[in-house]
PDB file of N, CA and C in Angstrom:
ATOM      1  N   MET A   1     297.870-125.980 145.785  1.00  0.00           N
ATOM      2  CA  MET A   1     296.962-127.000 146.255  1.00  0.00           C
ATOM      3  C   MET A   1     296.823-126.869 147.771  1.00  0.00           C
ATOM      4  N   SER A   2     295.624-126.999 148.241  1.00  0.00           N
ATOM      5  CA  SER A   2     295.352-126.857 149.663  1.00  0.00           C
ATOM      6  C   SER A   2     295.733-128.140 150.411  1.00  0.00           C
ATOM      7  N   ASP A   3     296.273-127.976 151.607  1.00  0.00           N
ATOM      8  CA  ASP A   3     296.627-129.124 152.449  1.00  0.00           C
ATOM      9  C   ASP A   3     295.792-129.155 153.728  1.00  0.00           C
ATOM     10  N   LEU A   4     294.731-128.404 153.773  1.00  0.00           N
ATOM     11  CA  LEU A   4     293.955-128.318 155.005  1.00  0.00           C
ATOM     12  C   LEU A   4     293.020-129.499 155.206  1.00  0.00           C
ATOM     13  N   ASN A   5     292.579-130.139 154.117  1.00  0.00           N
ATOM     14  CA  ASN A   5     291.634-131.249 154.192  1.00  0.00           C
ATOM     15  C   ASN A   5     290.401-130.884 155.013  1.00  0.00           C
ATOM     16  N   ASP A   6     289.921-129.686 154.836  1.00  0.00           N
ATOM     17  CA  ASP A   6     288.797-129.173 155.611  1.00  0.00           C
ATOM     18  C   ASP A   6     287.742-128.620 154.649  1.00  0.00           C
ATOM     19  N   PRO A   7     286.497-129.102 154.721  1.00  0.00           N
ATOM     20  CA  PRO A   7     285.463-128.610 153.806  1.00  0.00           C
ATOM     21  C   PRO A   7     285.128-127.131 154.008  1.00  0.00           C
ATOM     22  N   ARG A   8     285.550-126.555 155.127  1.00  0.00           N
ATOM     23  CA  ARG A   8     285.267-125.130 155.342  1.00  0.00           C
ATOM     24  C   ARG A   8     285.962-124.247 154.314  1.00  0.00           C
ATOM     25  N   VAL A   9     287.059-124.726 153.748  1.00  0.00           N
ATOM     26  CA  VAL A   9     287.756-123.976 152.699  1.00  0.00           C
ATOM     27  C   VAL A   9     286.852-123.861 151.468  1.00  0.00           C
ATOM     28  N   PHE A  10     286.229-124.965 151.113  1.00  0.00           N
ATOM     29  CA  PHE A  10     285.307-124.957 149.980  1.00  0.00           C
ATOM     30  C   PHE A  10     284.117-124.034 150.248  1.00  0.00           C
ATOM     31  N   PHE A  11     283.536-124.133 151.422  1.00  0.00           N
ATOM     32  CA  PHE A  11     282.376-123.304 151.749  1.00  0.00           C
ATOM     33  C   PHE A  11     282.742-121.817 151.804  1.00  0.00           C
ATOM     34  N   ALA A  12     283.960-121.506 152.194  1.00  0.00           N
ATOM     35  CA  ALA A  12     284.411-120.111 152.175  1.00  0.00           C
ATOM     36  C   ALA A  12     284.497-119.613 150.734  1.00  0.00           C
ATOM     37  N   ALA A  13     284.983-120.460 149.840  1.00  0.00           N
ATOM     38  CA  ALA A  13     285.057-120.078 148.423  1.00  0.00           C
ATOM     39  C   ALA A  13     283.653-119.876 147.858  1.00  0.00           C
ATOM     40  N   GLU A  14     282.726-120.721 148.263  1.00  0.00           N
ATOM     41  CA  GLU A  14     281.350-120.586 147.783  1.00  0.00           C
ATOM     42  C   GLU A  14     280.683-119.323 148.334  1.00  0.00           C
ATOM     43  N   ARG A  15     280.952-118.996 149.584  1.00  0.00           N
ATOM     44  CA  ARG A  15     280.417-117.746 150.158  1.00  0.00           C
ATOM     45  C   ARG A  15     280.990-116.536 149.440  1.00  0.00           C
ATOM     46  N   THR A  16     282.254-116.605 149.077  1.00  0.00           N
ATOM     47  CA  THR A  16     282.871-115.508 148.337  1.00  0.00           C
ATOM     48  C   THR A  16     282.221-115.357 146.964  1.00  0.00           C
ATOM     49  N   LEU A  17     281.959-116.479 146.303  1.00  0.00           N
ATOM     50  CA  LEU A  17     281.285-116.438 145.006  1.00  0.00           C
ATOM     51  C   LEU A  17     279.917-115.767 145.131  1.00  0.00           C
ATOM     52  N   MET A  18     279.167-116.111 146.165  1.00  0.00           N
ATOM     53  CA  MET A  18     277.836-115.533 146.340  1.00  0.00           C
ATOM     54  C   MET A  18     277.920-114.062 146.751  1.00  0.00           C
ATOM     55  N   ALA A  19     278.978-113.676 147.431  1.00  0.00           N
ATOM     56  CA  ALA A  19     279.165-112.250 147.746  1.00  0.00           C
ATOM     57  C   ALA A  19     279.407-111.460 146.463  1.00  0.00           C
ATOM     58  N   TRP A  20     280.174-112.027 145.540  1.00  0.00           N
ATOM     59  CA  TRP A  20     280.374-111.365 144.253  1.00  0.00           C
ATOM     60  C   TRP A  20     279.077-111.325 143.454  1.00  0.00           C
ATOM     61  N   ASN A  21     278.248-112.358 143.614  1.00  0.00           N
ATOM     62  CA  ASN A  21     276.944-112.362 142.958  1.00  0.00           C
ATOM     63  C   ASN A  21     276.098-111.192 143.457  1.00  0.00           C
ATOM     64  N   ARG A  22     276.082-110.983 144.762  1.00  0.00           N
ATOM     65  CA  ARG A  22     275.325-109.854 145.325  1.00  0.00           C
ATOM     66  C   ARG A  22     275.908-108.525 144.857  1.00  0.00           C
ATOM     67  N   THR A  23     277.216-108.446 144.746  1.00  0.00           N
ATOM     68  CA  THR A  23     277.847-107.220 144.267  1.00  0.00           C
ATOM     69  C   THR A  23     277.427-106.937 142.823  1.00  0.00           C
ATOM     70  N   GLY A  24     277.439-107.965 141.982  1.00  0.00           N
ATOM     71  CA  GLY A  24     277.017-107.803 140.598  1.00  0.00           C
ATOM     72  C   GLY A  24     275.562-107.371 140.484  1.00  0.00           C
ATOM     73  N   LEU A  25     274.698-107.998 141.283  1.00  0.00           N
ATOM     74  CA  LEU A  25     273.286-107.616 141.282  1.00  0.00           C
ATOM     75  C   LEU A  25     273.096-106.171 141.742  1.00  0.00           C
ATOM     76  N   THR A  26     273.848-105.768 142.743  1.00  0.00           N
ATOM     77  CA  THR A  26     273.750-104.393 143.243  1.00  0.00           C
ATOM     78  C   THR A  26     274.197-103.392 142.184  1.00  0.00           C
ATOM     79  N   LEU A  27     275.283-103.695 141.498  1.00  0.00           N
ATOM     80  CA  LEU A  27     275.748-102.809 140.425  1.00  0.00           C
ATOM     81  C   LEU A  27     274.699-102.690 139.319  1.00  0.00           C
ATOM     82  N   MET A  28     274.071-103.815 138.984  1.00  0.00           N
ATOM     83  CA  MET A  28     273.039-103.785 137.946  1.00  0.00           C
ATOM     84  C   MET A  28     271.828-102.973 138.385  1.00  0.00           C
ATOM     85  N   ALA A  29     271.403-103.157 139.617  1.00  0.00           N
ATOM     86  CA  ALA A  29     270.253-102.402 140.120  1.00  0.00           C
ATOM     87  C   ALA A  29     270.570-100.909 140.153  1.00  0.00           C
ATOM     88  N   PHE A  30     271.750-100.565 140.609  1.00  0.00           N
ATOM     89  CA  PHE A  30     272.170 -99.168 140.652  1.00  0.00           C
ATOM     90  C   PHE A  30     272.212 -98.591 139.237  1.00  0.00           C
ATOM     91  N   GLY A  31     272.724 -99.363 138.292  1.00  0.00           N
ATOM     92  CA  GLY A  31     272.772 -98.924 136.907  1.00  0.00           C
ATOM     93  C   GLY A  31     271.385 -98.703 136.326  1.00  0.00           C
ATOM     94  N   PHE A  32     270.451 -99.572 136.666  1.00  0.00           N
ATOM     95  CA  PHE A  32     269.084 -99.407 136.171  1.00  0.00           C
ATOM     96  C   PHE A  32     268.458 -98.131 136.726  1.00  0.00           C
ATOM     97  N   VAL A  33     268.697 -97.872 137.996  1.00  0.00           N
ATOM     98  CA  VAL A  33     268.162 -96.640 138.604  1.00  0.00           C
ATOM     99  C   VAL A  33     268.770 -95.411 137.928  1.00  0.00           C
ATOM    100  N   ILE A  34     270.062 -95.428 137.700  1.00  0.00           N
ATOM    101  CA  ILE A  34     270.716 -94.290 137.025  1.00  0.00           C
ATOM    102  C   ILE A  34     270.173 -94.136 135.608  1.00  0.00           C
ATOM    103  N   GLU A  35     269.996 -95.253 134.911  1.00  0.00           N
ATOM    104  CA  GLU A  35     269.508 -95.203 133.535  1.00  0.00           C
ATOM    105  C   GLU A  35     268.107 -94.602 133.479  1.00  0.00           C
ATOM    106  N   ARG A  36     267.268 -94.931 134.431  1.00  0.00           N
ATOM    107  CA  ARG A  36     265.890 -94.422 134.443  1.00  0.00           C
ATOM    108  C   ARG A  36     265.778 -93.028 135.059  1.00  0.00           C
ATOM    109  N   PHE A  37     266.839 -92.537 135.646  1.00  0.00           N
ATOM    110  CA  PHE A  37     266.802 -91.215 136.280  1.00  0.00           C
ATOM    111  C   PHE A  37     266.489 -90.124 135.257  1.00  0.00           C
ATOM    112  N   ASP A  38     267.036 -90.245 134.055  1.00  0.00           N
ATOM    113  CA  ASP A  38     266.789 -89.254 133.013  1.00  0.00           C
ATOM    114  C   ASP A  38     265.307 -89.214 132.642  1.00  0.00           C
ATOM    115  N   LEU A  39     264.665 -90.378 132.593  1.00  0.00           N
ATOM    116  CA  LEU A  39     263.233 -90.437 132.321  1.00  0.00           C
ATOM    117  C   LEU A  39     262.456 -89.706 133.412  1.00  0.00           C
ATOM    118  N   PHE A  40     262.855 -89.901 134.658  1.00  0.00           N
ATOM    119  CA  PHE A  40     262.214 -89.240 135.794  1.00  0.00           C
ATOM    120  C   PHE A  40     262.369 -87.721 135.703  1.00  0.00           C
ATOM    121  N   VAL A  41     263.559 -87.255 135.356  1.00  0.00           N
ATOM    122  CA  VAL A  41     263.806 -85.817 135.231  1.00  0.00           C
ATOM    123  C   VAL A  41     262.964 -85.239 134.096  1.00  0.00           C
ATOM    124  N   ASN A  42     262.880 -85.955 132.984  1.00  0.00           N
ATOM    125  CA  ASN A  42     262.058 -85.490 131.860  1.00  0.00           C
ATOM    126  C   ASN A  42     260.583 -85.427 132.237  1.00  0.00           C
ATOM    127  N   MET A  43     260.121 -86.367 133.046  1.00  0.00           N
ATOM    128  CA  MET A  43     258.720 -86.339 133.485  1.00  0.00           C
ATOM    129  C   MET A  43     258.476 -85.143 134.397  1.00  0.00           C
ATOM    130  N   LEU A  44     259.429 -84.838 135.256  1.00  0.00           N
ATOM    131  CA  LEU A  44     259.284 -83.675 136.137  1.00  0.00           C
ATOM    132  C   LEU A  44     259.293 -82.372 135.337  1.00  0.00           C
ATOM    133  N   ALA A  45     260.083 -82.315 134.287  1.00  0.00           N
ATOM    134  CA  ALA A  45     260.164 -81.114 133.458  1.00  0.00           C
ATOM    135  C   ALA A  45     258.994 -81.029 132.482  1.00  0.00           C
ATOM    136  N   LYS A  46     258.183 -82.091 132.440  1.00  0.00           N
ATOM    137  CA  LYS A  46     257.009 -82.165 131.557  1.00  0.00           C
ATOM    138  C   LYS A  46     257.376 -81.951 130.091  1.00  0.00           C
ATOM    139  N   MET A  47     258.469 -82.617 129.705  1.00  0.00           N
ATOM    140  CA  MET A  47     258.902 -82.546 128.312  1.00  0.00           C
ATOM    141  C   MET A  47     258.072 -83.526 127.488  1.00  0.00           C
ATOM    142  N   PRO A  48     257.730 -83.158 126.251  1.00  0.00           N
ATOM    143  CA  PRO A  48     257.020 -84.098 125.383  1.00  0.00           C
ATOM    144  C   PRO A  48     257.912 -85.290 125.044  1.00  0.00           C
ATOM    145  N   PRO A  49     257.311 -86.462 124.829  1.00  0.00           N
ATOM    146  CA  PRO A  49     258.119 -87.658 124.541  1.00  0.00           C
ATOM    147  C   PRO A  49     259.030 -87.510 123.330  1.00  0.00           C
ATOM    148  N   ALA A  50     258.671 -86.677 122.363  1.00  0.00           N
ATOM    149  CA  ALA A  50     259.491 -86.528 121.158  1.00  0.00           C
ATOM    150  C   ALA A  50     260.834 -85.863 121.466  1.00  0.00           C
ATOM    151  N   GLN A  51     260.903 -85.070 122.538  1.00  0.00           N
ATOM    152  CA  GLN A  51     262.143 -84.364 122.864  1.00  0.00           C
ATOM    153  C   GLN A  51     263.085 -85.184 123.728  1.00  0.00           C
ATOM    154  N   MET A  52     262.615 -86.310 124.254  1.00  0.00           N
ATOM    155  CA  MET A  52     263.466 -87.124 125.124  1.00  0.00           C
ATOM    156  C   MET A  52     264.524 -87.844 124.295  1.00  0.00           C
ATOM    157  N   SER A  53     265.745 -87.792 124.760  1.00  0.00           N
ATOM    158  CA  SER A  53     266.834 -88.492 124.075  1.00  0.00           C
ATOM    159  C   SER A  53     267.693 -89.191 125.123  1.00  0.00           C
ATOM    160  N   ARG A  54     268.609 -89.982 124.645  1.00  0.00           N
ATOM    161  CA  ARG A  54     269.503 -90.703 125.549  1.00  0.00           C
ATOM    162  C   ARG A  54     270.572 -89.746 126.040  1.00  0.00           C
ATOM    163  N   GLY A  55     270.539 -89.482 127.319  1.00  0.00           N
ATOM    164  CA  GLY A  55     271.504 -88.570 127.904  1.00  0.00           C
ATOM    165  C   GLY A  55     272.656 -89.309 128.553  1.00  0.00           C
ATOM    166  N   VAL A  56     273.402 -88.584 129.318  1.00  0.00           N
ATOM    167  CA  VAL A  56     274.566 -89.147 130.005  1.00  0.00           C
ATOM    168  C   VAL A  56     274.150 -90.231 130.989  1.00  0.00           C
ATOM    169  N   SER A  57     273.013 -90.041 131.656  1.00  0.00           N
ATOM    170  CA  SER A  57     272.579 -91.034 132.640  1.00  0.00           C
ATOM    171  C   SER A  57     272.295 -92.381 131.977  1.00  0.00           C
ATOM    172  N   PHE A  58     271.837 -92.367 130.742  1.00  0.00           N
ATOM    173  CA  PHE A  58     271.606 -93.624 130.024  1.00  0.00           C
ATOM    174  C   PHE A  58     272.910 -94.403 129.883  1.00  0.00           C
ATOM    175  N   TRP A  59     273.944 -93.732 129.419  1.00  0.00           N
ATOM    176  CA  TRP A  59     275.222 -94.414 129.174  1.00  0.00           C
ATOM    177  C   TRP A  59     275.910 -94.823 130.470  1.00  0.00           C
ATOM    178  N   ILE A  60     275.817 -93.996 131.495  1.00  0.00           N
ATOM    179  CA  ILE A  60     276.412 -94.362 132.789  1.00  0.00           C
ATOM    180  C   ILE A  60     275.664 -95.549 133.382  1.00  0.00           C
ATOM    181  N   GLY A  61     274.342 -95.505 133.319  1.00  0.00           N
ATOM    182  CA  GLY A  61     273.537 -96.615 133.831  1.00  0.00           C
ATOM    183  C   GLY A  61     273.831 -97.909 133.104  1.00  0.00           C
ATOM    184  N   LEU A  62     273.915 -97.839 131.782  1.00  0.00           N
ATOM    185  CA  LEU A  62     274.232 -99.021 130.989  1.00  0.00           C
ATOM    186  C   LEU A  62     275.612 -99.565 131.348  1.00  0.00           C
ATOM    187  N   SER A  63     276.545 -98.661 131.613  1.00  0.00           N
ATOM    188  CA  SER A  63     277.894 -99.088 132.009  1.00  0.00           C
ATOM    189  C   SER A  63     277.875 -99.837 133.339  1.00  0.00           C
ATOM    190  N   PHE A  64     277.085 -99.361 134.286  1.00  0.00           N
ATOM    191  CA  PHE A  64     276.982-100.055 135.576  1.00  0.00           C
ATOM    192  C   PHE A  64     276.345-101.436 135.413  1.00  0.00           C
ATOM    193  N   ILE A  65     275.330-101.536 134.559  1.00  0.00           N
ATOM    194  CA  ILE A  65     274.691-102.835 134.332  1.00  0.00           C
ATOM    195  C   ILE A  65     275.689-103.807 133.706  1.00  0.00           C
ATOM    196  N   LEU A  66     276.436-103.344 132.717  1.00  0.00           N
ATOM    197  CA  LEU A  66     277.454-104.199 132.105  1.00  0.00           C
ATOM    198  C   LEU A  66     278.554-104.572 133.091  1.00  0.00           C
ATOM    199  N   LEU A  67     278.938-103.622 133.937  1.00  0.00           N
ATOM    200  CA  LEU A  67     279.952-103.910 134.957  1.00  0.00           C
ATOM    201  C   LEU A  67     279.464-105.014 135.893  1.00  0.00           C
ATOM    202  N   GLY A  68     278.199-104.956 136.291  1.00  0.00           N
ATOM    203  CA  GLY A  68     277.634-106.004 137.139  1.00  0.00           C
ATOM    204  C   GLY A  68     277.669-107.362 136.473  1.00  0.00           C
ATOM    205  N   ALA A  69     277.357-107.408 135.180  1.00  0.00           N
ATOM    206  CA  ALA A  69     277.398-108.675 134.444  1.00  0.00           C
ATOM    207  C   ALA A  69     278.827-109.209 134.355  1.00  0.00           C
ATOM    208  N   VAL A  70     279.772-108.318 134.113  1.00  0.00           N
ATOM    209  CA  VAL A  70     281.181-108.732 134.027  1.00  0.00           C
ATOM    210  C   VAL A  70     281.679-109.236 135.382  1.00  0.00           C
ATOM    211  N   VAL A  71     281.282-108.569 136.461  1.00  0.00           N
ATOM    212  CA  VAL A  71     281.687-108.998 137.811  1.00  0.00           C
ATOM    213  C   VAL A  71     281.199-110.428 138.067  1.00  0.00           C
ATOM    214  N   CYS A  72     279.962-110.717 137.694  1.00  0.00           N
ATOM    215  CA  CYS A  72     279.434-112.074 137.893  1.00  0.00           C
ATOM    216  C   CYS A  72     280.196-113.100 137.060  1.00  0.00           C
ATOM    217  N   ALA A  73     280.542-112.742 135.833  1.00  0.00           N
ATOM    218  CA  ALA A  73     281.277-113.673 134.971  1.00  0.00           C
ATOM    219  C   ALA A  73     282.697-113.917 135.485  1.00  0.00           C
ATOM    220  N   VAL A  74     283.367-112.869 135.921  1.00  0.00           N
ATOM    221  CA  VAL A  74     284.734-113.019 136.435  1.00  0.00           C
ATOM    222  C   VAL A  74     284.728-113.809 137.748  1.00  0.00           C
ATOM    223  N   ALA A  75     283.682-113.642 138.543  1.00  0.00           N
ATOM    224  CA  ALA A  75     283.582-114.385 139.795  1.00  0.00           C
ATOM    225  C   ALA A  75     283.510-115.892 139.530  1.00  0.00           C
ATOM    226  N   ILE A  76     282.856-116.269 138.450  1.00  0.00           N
ATOM    227  CA  ILE A  76     282.795-117.693 138.090  1.00  0.00           C
ATOM    228  C   ILE A  76     284.199-118.213 137.808  1.00  0.00           C
ATOM    229  N   LYS A  77     284.959-117.474 137.047  1.00  0.00           N
ATOM    230  CA  LYS A  77     286.329-117.890 136.724  1.00  0.00           C
ATOM    231  C   LYS A  77     287.178-118.007 137.986  1.00  0.00           C
ATOM    232  N   GLN A  78     287.053-117.031 138.873  1.00  0.00           N
ATOM    233  CA  GLN A  78     287.826-117.052 140.113  1.00  0.00           C
ATOM    234  C   GLN A  78     287.442-118.247 140.994  1.00  0.00           C
ATOM    235  N   TYR A  79     286.166-118.533 141.080  1.00  0.00           N
ATOM    236  CA  TYR A  79     285.679-119.661 141.876  1.00  0.00           C
ATOM    237  C   TYR A  79     286.196-120.986 141.311  1.00  0.00           C
ATOM    238  N   ARG A  80     286.122-121.129 140.001  1.00  0.00           N
ATOM    239  CA  ARG A  80     286.611-122.374 139.393  1.00  0.00           C
ATOM    240  C   ARG A  80     288.116-122.541 139.580  1.00  0.00           C
ATOM    241  N   THR A  81     288.845-121.438 139.538  1.00  0.00           N
ATOM    242  CA  THR A  81     290.280-121.500 139.800  1.00  0.00           C
ATOM    243  C   THR A  81     290.539-121.980 141.221  1.00  0.00           C
ATOM    244  N   THR A  82     289.745-121.492 142.161  1.00  0.00           N
ATOM    245  CA  THR A  82     289.878-121.922 143.554  1.00  0.00           C
ATOM    246  C   THR A  82     289.515-123.391 143.701  1.00  0.00           C
ATOM    247  N   LEU A  83     288.441-123.836 143.036  1.00  0.00           N
ATOM    248  CA  LEU A  83     288.047-125.245 143.122  1.00  0.00           C
ATOM    249  C   LEU A  83     289.131-126.181 142.614  1.00  0.00           C
ATOM    250  N   ASP A  84     289.869-125.735 141.613  1.00  0.00           N
ATOM    251  CA  ASP A  84     290.940-126.570 141.062  1.00  0.00           C
ATOM    252  C   ASP A  84     292.063-126.805 142.071  1.00  0.00           C
ATOM    253  N   THR A  85     292.175-125.948 143.075  1.00  0.00           N
ATOM    254  CA  THR A  85     293.236-126.119 144.075  1.00  0.00           C
ATOM    255  C   THR A  85     292.813-127.024 145.220  1.00  0.00           C
ATOM    256  N   LEU A  86     291.526-127.379 145.298  1.00  0.00           N
ATOM    257  CA  LEU A  86     291.036-128.185 146.416  1.00  0.00           C
ATOM    258  C   LEU A  86     291.142-129.675 146.106  1.00  0.00           C
ATOM    259  N   ARG A  87     291.331-130.442 147.161  1.00  0.00           N
ATOM    260  CA  ARG A  87     291.347-131.896 147.039  1.00  0.00           C
ATOM    261  C   ARG A  87     289.929-132.422 147.214  1.00  0.00           C
ATOM    262  N   PRO A  88     289.654-133.602 146.725  1.00  0.00           N
ATOM    263  CA  PRO A  88     288.302-134.168 146.859  1.00  0.00           C
ATOM    264  C   PRO A  88     287.820-134.280 148.310  1.00  0.00           C
ATOM    265  N   VAL A  89     288.746-134.463 149.250  1.00  0.00           N
ATOM    266  CA  VAL A  89     288.347-134.585 150.651  1.00  0.00           C
ATOM    267  C   VAL A  89     287.806-133.260 151.206  1.00  0.00           C
ATOM    268  N   GLU A  90     288.131-132.158 150.546  1.00  0.00           N
ATOM    269  CA  GLU A  90     287.686-130.850 151.007  1.00  0.00           C
ATOM    270  C   GLU A  90     286.298-130.477 150.483  1.00  0.00           C
ATOM    271  N   ILE A  91     285.760-131.289 149.591  1.00  0.00           N
ATOM    272  CA  ILE A  91     284.415-131.057 149.069  1.00  0.00           C
ATOM    273  C   ILE A  91     283.521-132.164 149.607  1.00  0.00           C
ATOM    274  N   PRO A  92     282.435-131.804 150.287  1.00  0.00           N
ATOM    275  CA  PRO A  92     281.558-132.834 150.863  1.00  0.00           C
ATOM    276  C   PRO A  92     281.023-133.779 149.780  1.00  0.00           C
ATOM    277  N   PRO A  93     280.984-135.066 150.077  1.00  0.00           N
ATOM    278  CA  PRO A  93     280.499-136.043 149.089  1.00  0.00           C
ATOM    279  C   PRO A  93     279.050-135.758 148.697  1.00  0.00           C
ATOM    280  N   GLY A  94     278.786-135.806 147.408  1.00  0.00           N
ATOM    281  CA  GLY A  94     277.430-135.604 146.921  1.00  0.00           C
ATOM    282  C   GLY A  94     276.984-134.155 146.822  1.00  0.00           C
ATOM    283  N   TYR A  95     277.860-133.222 147.207  1.00  0.00           N
ATOM    284  CA  TYR A  95     277.497-131.804 147.165  1.00  0.00           C
ATOM    285  C   TYR A  95     277.666-131.293 145.749  1.00  0.00           C
ATOM    286  N   TRP A  96     276.649-130.624 145.241  1.00  0.00           N
ATOM    287  CA  TRP A  96     276.696-130.105 143.875  1.00  0.00           C
ATOM    288  C   TRP A  96     277.395-128.761 143.901  1.00  0.00           C
ATOM    289  N   VAL A  97     278.612-128.708 143.408  1.00  0.00           N
ATOM    290  CA  VAL A  97     279.442-127.507 143.513  1.00  0.00           C
ATOM    291  C   VAL A  97     279.117-126.457 142.454  1.00  0.00           C
ATOM    292  N   HIS A  98     278.234-126.773 141.525  1.00  0.00           N
ATOM    293  CA  HIS A  98     277.993-125.855 140.405  1.00  0.00           C
ATOM    294  C   HIS A  98     276.751-124.983 140.571  1.00  0.00           C
ATOM    295  N   MET A  99     276.075-125.048 141.703  1.00  0.00           N
ATOM    296  CA  MET A  99     274.873-124.231 141.889  1.00  0.00           C
ATOM    297  C   MET A  99     275.210-122.734 141.886  1.00  0.00           C
ATOM    298  N   GLY A 100     276.274-122.349 142.563  1.00  0.00           N
ATOM    299  CA  GLY A 100     276.695-120.954 142.583  1.00  0.00           C
ATOM    300  C   GLY A 100     277.142-120.472 141.210  1.00  0.00           C
ATOM    301  N   VAL A 101     277.808-121.349 140.474  1.00  0.00           N
ATOM    302  CA  VAL A 101     278.247-121.008 139.114  1.00  0.00           C
ATOM    303  C   VAL A 101     277.033-120.781 138.227  1.00  0.00           C
ATOM    304  N   LEU A 102     276.044-121.647 138.333  1.00  0.00           N
ATOM    305  CA  LEU A 102     274.828-121.510 137.537  1.00  0.00           C
ATOM    306  C   LEU A 102     274.101-120.205 137.871  1.00  0.00           C
ATOM    307  N   THR A 103     274.018-119.897 139.148  1.00  0.00           N
ATOM    308  CA  THR A 103     273.357-118.656 139.569  1.00  0.00           C
ATOM    309  C   THR A 103     274.079-117.438 139.005  1.00  0.00           C
ATOM    310  N   ASN A 104     275.383-117.402 139.143  1.00  0.00           N
ATOM    311  CA  ASN A 104     276.154-116.265 138.623  1.00  0.00           C
ATOM    312  C   ASN A 104     276.051-116.157 137.112  1.00  0.00           C
ATOM    313  N   ALA A 105     276.082-117.290 136.418  1.00  0.00           N
ATOM    314  CA  ALA A 105     275.973-117.266 134.961  1.00  0.00           C
ATOM    315  C   ALA A 105     274.613-116.718 134.529  1.00  0.00           C
ATOM    316  N   LEU A 106     273.554-117.134 135.215  1.00  0.00           N
ATOM    317  CA  LEU A 106     272.218-116.622 134.879  1.00  0.00           C
ATOM    318  C   LEU A 106     272.108-115.121 135.147  1.00  0.00           C
ATOM    319  N   VAL A 107     272.667-114.668 136.254  1.00  0.00           N
ATOM    320  CA  VAL A 107     272.639-113.231 136.564  1.00  0.00           C
ATOM    321  C   VAL A 107     273.413-112.452 135.502  1.00  0.00           C
ATOM    322  N   ALA A 108     274.563-112.966 135.089  1.00  0.00           N
ATOM    323  CA  ALA A 108     275.352-112.293 134.051  1.00  0.00           C
ATOM    324  C   ALA A 108     274.586-112.247 132.733  1.00  0.00           C
ATOM    325  N   LEU A 109     273.953-113.351 132.353  1.00  0.00           N
ATOM    326  CA  LEU A 109     273.181-113.374 131.112  1.00  0.00           C
ATOM    327  C   LEU A 109     271.973-112.450 131.179  1.00  0.00           C
ATOM    328  N   LEU A 110     271.305-112.418 132.317  1.00  0.00           N
ATOM    329  CA  LEU A 110     270.162-111.511 132.462  1.00  0.00           C
ATOM    330  C   LEU A 110     270.611-110.054 132.435  1.00  0.00           C
ATOM    331  N   GLY A 111     271.785-109.774 132.974  1.00  0.00           N
ATOM    332  CA  GLY A 111     272.335-108.420 132.890  1.00  0.00           C
ATOM    333  C   GLY A 111     272.613-108.017 131.456  1.00  0.00           C
ATOM    334  N   LEU A 112     273.151-108.945 130.675  1.00  0.00           N
ATOM    335  CA  LEU A 112     273.382-108.666 129.256  1.00  0.00           C
ATOM    336  C   LEU A 112     272.061-108.490 128.511  1.00  0.00           C
ATOM    337  N   ALA A 113     271.064-109.306 128.868  1.00  0.00           N
ATOM    338  CA  ALA A 113     269.750-109.172 128.232  1.00  0.00           C
ATOM    339  C   ALA A 113     269.119-107.819 128.573  1.00  0.00           C
ATOM    340  N   LEU A 114     269.252-107.397 129.826  1.00  0.00           N
ATOM    341  CA  LEU A 114     268.718-106.097 130.230  1.00  0.00           C
ATOM    342  C   LEU A 114     269.428-104.975 129.478  1.00  0.00           C
ATOM    343  N   THR A 115     270.721-105.095 129.317  1.00  0.00           N
ATOM    344  CA  THR A 115     271.474-104.098 128.562  1.00  0.00           C
ATOM    345  C   THR A 115     270.981-104.023 127.118  1.00  0.00           C
ATOM    346  N   GLY A 116     270.806-105.170 126.511  1.00  0.00           N
ATOM    347  CA  GLY A 116     270.293-105.205 125.138  1.00  0.00           C
ATOM    348  C   GLY A 116     268.910-104.603 125.029  1.00  0.00           C
ATOM    349  N   TYR A 117     268.050-104.926 125.986  1.00  0.00           N
ATOM    350  CA  TYR A 117     266.692-104.392 125.964  1.00  0.00           C
ATOM    351  C   TYR A 117     266.713-102.869 126.104  1.00  0.00           C
ATOM    352  N   LEU A 118     267.456-102.377 127.066  1.00  0.00           N
ATOM    353  CA  LEU A 118     267.501-100.919 127.278  1.00  0.00           C
ATOM    354  C   LEU A 118     268.135-100.202 126.094  1.00  0.00           C
ATOM    355  N   PHE A 119     269.088-100.837 125.465  1.00  0.00           N
ATOM    356  CA  PHE A 119     269.763-100.212 124.331  1.00  0.00           C
ATOM    357  C   PHE A 119     268.867-100.137 123.095  1.00  0.00           C
ATOM    358  N   THR A 120     268.031-101.153 122.909  1.00  0.00           N
ATOM    359  CA  THR A 120     267.202-101.195 121.710  1.00  0.00           C
ATOM    360  C   THR A 120     265.855-100.499 121.870  1.00  0.00           C
ATOM    361  N   HIS A 121     265.413-100.275 123.087  1.00  0.00           N
ATOM    362  CA  HIS A 121     264.113 -99.629 123.309  1.00  0.00           C
ATOM    363  C   HIS A 121     264.320 -98.218 123.860  1.00  0.00           C
ATOM    364  N   GLN A 122     263.708 -97.283 123.231  1.00  0.00           N
ATOM    365  CA  GLN A 122     263.794 -95.875 123.691  1.00  0.00           C
ATOM    366  C   GLN A 122     262.861 -95.679 124.868  1.00  0.00           C
ATOM    367  N   ALA A 123     263.361 -95.023 125.938  1.00  0.00           N
ATOM    368  CA  ALA A 123     262.629 -94.668 127.148  1.00  0.00           C
ATOM    369  C   ALA A 123     261.300 -95.315 127.162  1.00  0.00           C
TER     370      ALA A 123
END
């Protein structure tokens, strides 16, 4: 339990949560680029669409997207654990502490949705 009685502790935890959110988004974006790289290479090689298959870049890209979603979900757990250690005096009155949690949860769900979409739709 924190004994600082300072709202800056709470705001530091919230900034950390949002930094993990950016990290998760970056991993997902990087994964999407890797996943689509195989399509780009096939277009450069002028291969017919019937010959295109899911290569290594597809699976690596999908792994990065899933990693980004997991990072966002774990960040929520870590943030809530930190909030449990704070006293009410350390959280500004009337401040909605769940906005960052909601944002991270939506990013994680959208990452899972993107993974499902890419997995079920061929190039």
